[in-house]
């Protein structure tokens, strides 16, 4: 099993940052607010670009190793955890409009925590607290509505 070098990964991150920045620059302003809908995507693009730059420069300084054996691949269950992470992200995308942000985020975060062996009760508690905090932050502070779904009657 091979992995991409940090140079290739860094260049992919830089390309992704450019696409995100380009898409965000076309978002319309929000009436009555000092910042527009483009602020968070542009900040995310800047973070991606910074990480990509750091990876690419570090790879060039380290020497010519375009492909190398990934050590994590030899860890038992690594392939399952990688596939499960991708499946959970896809489940989040598919289920959020149907059952809402809080329910979906809680289930997905719990699954991710269990993949890294966090105890079940602790995983559920942290996932629920994180989902509620994120929902309330977006809904009340940023005034960005997230899908309510199953908890529509319980949340502001």
Protein backbone atom coordinates (compact mmCIF):
# COMPACT_ATOMS: atom_id res chain seq x y z
CA UNK A 1 0.00 0.00 0.00
CA UNK A 2 1.42 3.38 -1.01
CA UNK A 3 0.58 6.90 -0.03
CA UNK A 4 1.01 10.24 -1.72
CA UNK A 5 4.03 12.24 -0.75
CA UNK A 6 3.54 15.43 1.20
CA UNK A 7 4.40 17.35 -1.95
CA UNK A 8 1.51 15.85 -3.91
CA UNK A 9 -0.86 16.25 -0.97
CA UNK A 10 0.27 19.85 -0.47
CA UNK A 11 -0.30 20.66 -4.13
CA UNK A 12 -3.77 19.08 -3.96
CA UNK A 13 -4.60 21.20 -0.92
CA UNK A 14 -3.42 24.33 -2.73
CA UNK A 15 -5.58 23.44 -5.74
CA UNK A 16 -8.58 22.79 -3.48
CA UNK A 17 -8.01 26.12 -1.73
CA UNK A 18 -7.99 27.90 -5.09
CA UNK A 19 -11.27 26.25 -6.13
CA UNK A 20 -12.89 27.06 -2.78
CA UNK A 21 -11.71 30.67 -2.89
CA UNK A 22 -12.99 31.04 -6.44
CA UNK A 23 -16.41 29.61 -5.52
CA UNK A 24 -16.65 31.72 -2.36
CA UNK A 25 -15.87 34.96 -4.15
CA UNK A 26 -19.12 34.65 -6.07
CA UNK A 27 -21.34 34.42 -2.98
CA UNK A 28 -23.68 37.37 -2.46
CA UNK A 29 -23.38 39.78 0.49
CA UNK A 30 -25.72 39.39 3.44
CA UNK A 31 -27.97 42.46 3.78
CA UNK A 32 -27.50 44.34 7.03
CA UNK A 33 -24.28 42.58 8.05
CA UNK A 34 -20.70 43.76 7.92
CA UNK A 35 -19.52 40.41 6.55
CA UNK A 36 -20.89 38.31 3.75
CA UNK A 37 -21.51 34.66 3.03
CA UNK A 38 -17.98 34.39 1.66
CA UNK A 39 -16.16 34.99 4.96
CA UNK A 40 -15.99 31.43 6.30
CA UNK A 41 -15.27 29.75 2.95
CA UNK A 42 -12.48 32.27 2.28
CA UNK A 43 -11.00 31.67 5.76
CA UNK A 44 -11.21 27.93 5.14
CA UNK A 45 -9.50 28.37 1.77
CA UNK A 46 -6.74 30.38 3.44
CA UNK A 47 -6.24 27.62 6.02
CA UNK A 48 -6.12 24.95 3.31
CA UNK A 49 -3.64 27.03 1.32
CA UNK A 50 -1.41 27.51 4.37
CA UNK A 51 -1.45 23.78 5.17
CA UNK A 52 -0.77 22.90 1.53
CA UNK A 53 2.12 25.33 1.38
CA UNK A 54 3.65 23.99 4.60
CA UNK A 55 3.33 20.38 3.39
CA UNK A 56 4.79 21.14 -0.04
CA UNK A 57 7.73 23.15 1.29
CA UNK A 58 8.47 20.55 3.97
CA UNK A 59 8.44 17.80 1.36
CA UNK A 60 10.82 19.67 -0.94
CA UNK A 61 13.21 20.29 1.96
CA UNK A 62 13.08 16.63 3.04
CA UNK A 63 14.32 15.34 -0.30
CA UNK A 64 13.05 13.40 -3.29
CA UNK A 65 10.70 10.73 -1.95
CA UNK A 66 7.64 10.89 -4.22
CA UNK A 67 6.05 7.73 -2.79
CA UNK A 68 6.73 6.02 0.51
CA UNK A 69 5.29 3.17 2.51
CA UNK A 70 2.68 4.45 4.92
CA UNK A 71 3.26 3.06 8.41
CA UNK A 72 -0.38 3.39 9.50
CA UNK A 73 -1.46 0.91 6.82
CA UNK A 74 0.15 -1.94 8.76
CA UNK A 75 -1.95 -1.16 11.85
CA UNK A 76 -4.75 -3.72 12.27
CA UNK A 77 -8.14 -2.23 11.38
CA UNK A 78 -6.69 0.86 9.69
CA UNK A 79 -8.41 0.19 6.39
CA UNK A 80 -11.74 -0.32 8.14
CA UNK A 81 -11.37 2.93 10.10
CA UNK A 82 -10.49 4.86 6.93
CA UNK A 83 -13.48 3.41 5.06
CA UNK A 84 -15.78 3.99 8.04
CA UNK A 85 -14.70 7.64 8.25
CA UNK A 86 -15.55 8.18 4.60
CA UNK A 87 -18.88 6.36 5.06
CA UNK A 88 -19.75 8.53 8.07
CA UNK A 89 -19.01 11.73 6.13
CA UNK A 90 -21.22 10.51 3.27
CA UNK A 91 -23.94 9.58 5.77
CA UNK A 92 -23.74 13.08 7.24
CA UNK A 93 -24.21 14.62 3.80
CA UNK A 94 -27.17 12.36 3.00
CA UNK A 95 -28.94 12.41 6.37
CA UNK A 96 -28.62 16.02 7.54
CA UNK A 97 -31.42 17.34 5.30
CA UNK A 98 -33.67 14.45 6.39
CA UNK A 99 -33.20 14.19 10.15
CA UNK A 100 -31.50 17.50 10.92
CA UNK A 101 -28.09 18.72 11.94
CA UNK A 102 -28.12 17.90 15.66
CA UNK A 103 -29.26 14.28 15.28
CA UNK A 104 -26.97 13.57 12.33
CA UNK A 105 -23.93 15.30 13.82
CA UNK A 106 -24.40 13.46 17.11
CA UNK A 107 -24.56 10.07 15.39
CA UNK A 108 -21.62 10.80 13.07
CA UNK A 109 -19.42 12.25 15.81
CA UNK A 110 -20.25 9.34 18.10
CA UNK A 111 -19.22 6.95 15.32
CA UNK A 112 -15.97 8.82 14.77
CA UNK A 113 -15.19 8.84 18.48
CA UNK A 114 -15.87 5.11 18.71
CA UNK A 115 -13.49 4.51 15.80
CA UNK A 116 -10.67 6.02 17.87
CA UNK A 117 -11.72 4.00 20.91
CA UNK A 118 -13.33 6.69 23.06
CA UNK A 119 -15.59 5.04 25.70
CA UNK A 120 -19.24 4.86 24.55
CA UNK A 121 -20.81 7.09 27.21
CA UNK A 122 -18.09 9.69 26.85
CA UNK A 123 -18.36 9.57 23.04
CA UNK A 124 -22.12 10.14 23.11
CA UNK A 125 -21.84 12.98 25.64
CA UNK A 126 -19.09 14.83 23.79
CA UNK A 127 -20.83 14.31 20.43
CA UNK A 128 -24.16 15.64 21.70
CA UNK A 129 -22.56 18.62 23.43
CA UNK A 130 -20.53 19.45 20.32
CA UNK A 131 -23.56 19.15 18.02
CA UNK A 132 -25.71 21.36 20.26
CA UNK A 133 -22.96 23.95 20.72
CA UNK A 134 -22.35 24.10 16.98
CA UNK A 135 -26.06 24.34 16.20
CA UNK A 136 -26.66 27.11 18.72
CA UNK A 137 -23.53 28.99 17.62
CA UNK A 138 -24.61 28.99 14.00
CA UNK A 139 -28.29 29.64 14.75
CA UNK A 140 -28.02 32.32 17.43
CA UNK A 141 -24.62 33.98 16.99
CA UNK A 142 -24.03 33.73 13.26
CA UNK A 143 -27.70 33.63 12.24
CA UNK A 144 -27.02 30.82 9.82
CA UNK A 145 -29.84 28.28 9.98
CA UNK A 146 -28.91 24.63 10.07
CA UNK A 147 -31.42 21.87 9.26
CA UNK A 148 -33.61 21.24 12.32
CA UNK A 149 -35.12 17.90 11.39
CA UNK A 150 -36.19 15.72 14.33
CA UNK A 151 -35.48 18.33 17.00
CA UNK A 152 -37.44 21.13 15.32
CA UNK A 153 -39.75 21.72 18.27
CA UNK A 154 -37.03 21.70 20.90
CA UNK A 155 -34.42 24.12 19.55
CA UNK A 156 -34.58 27.86 18.81
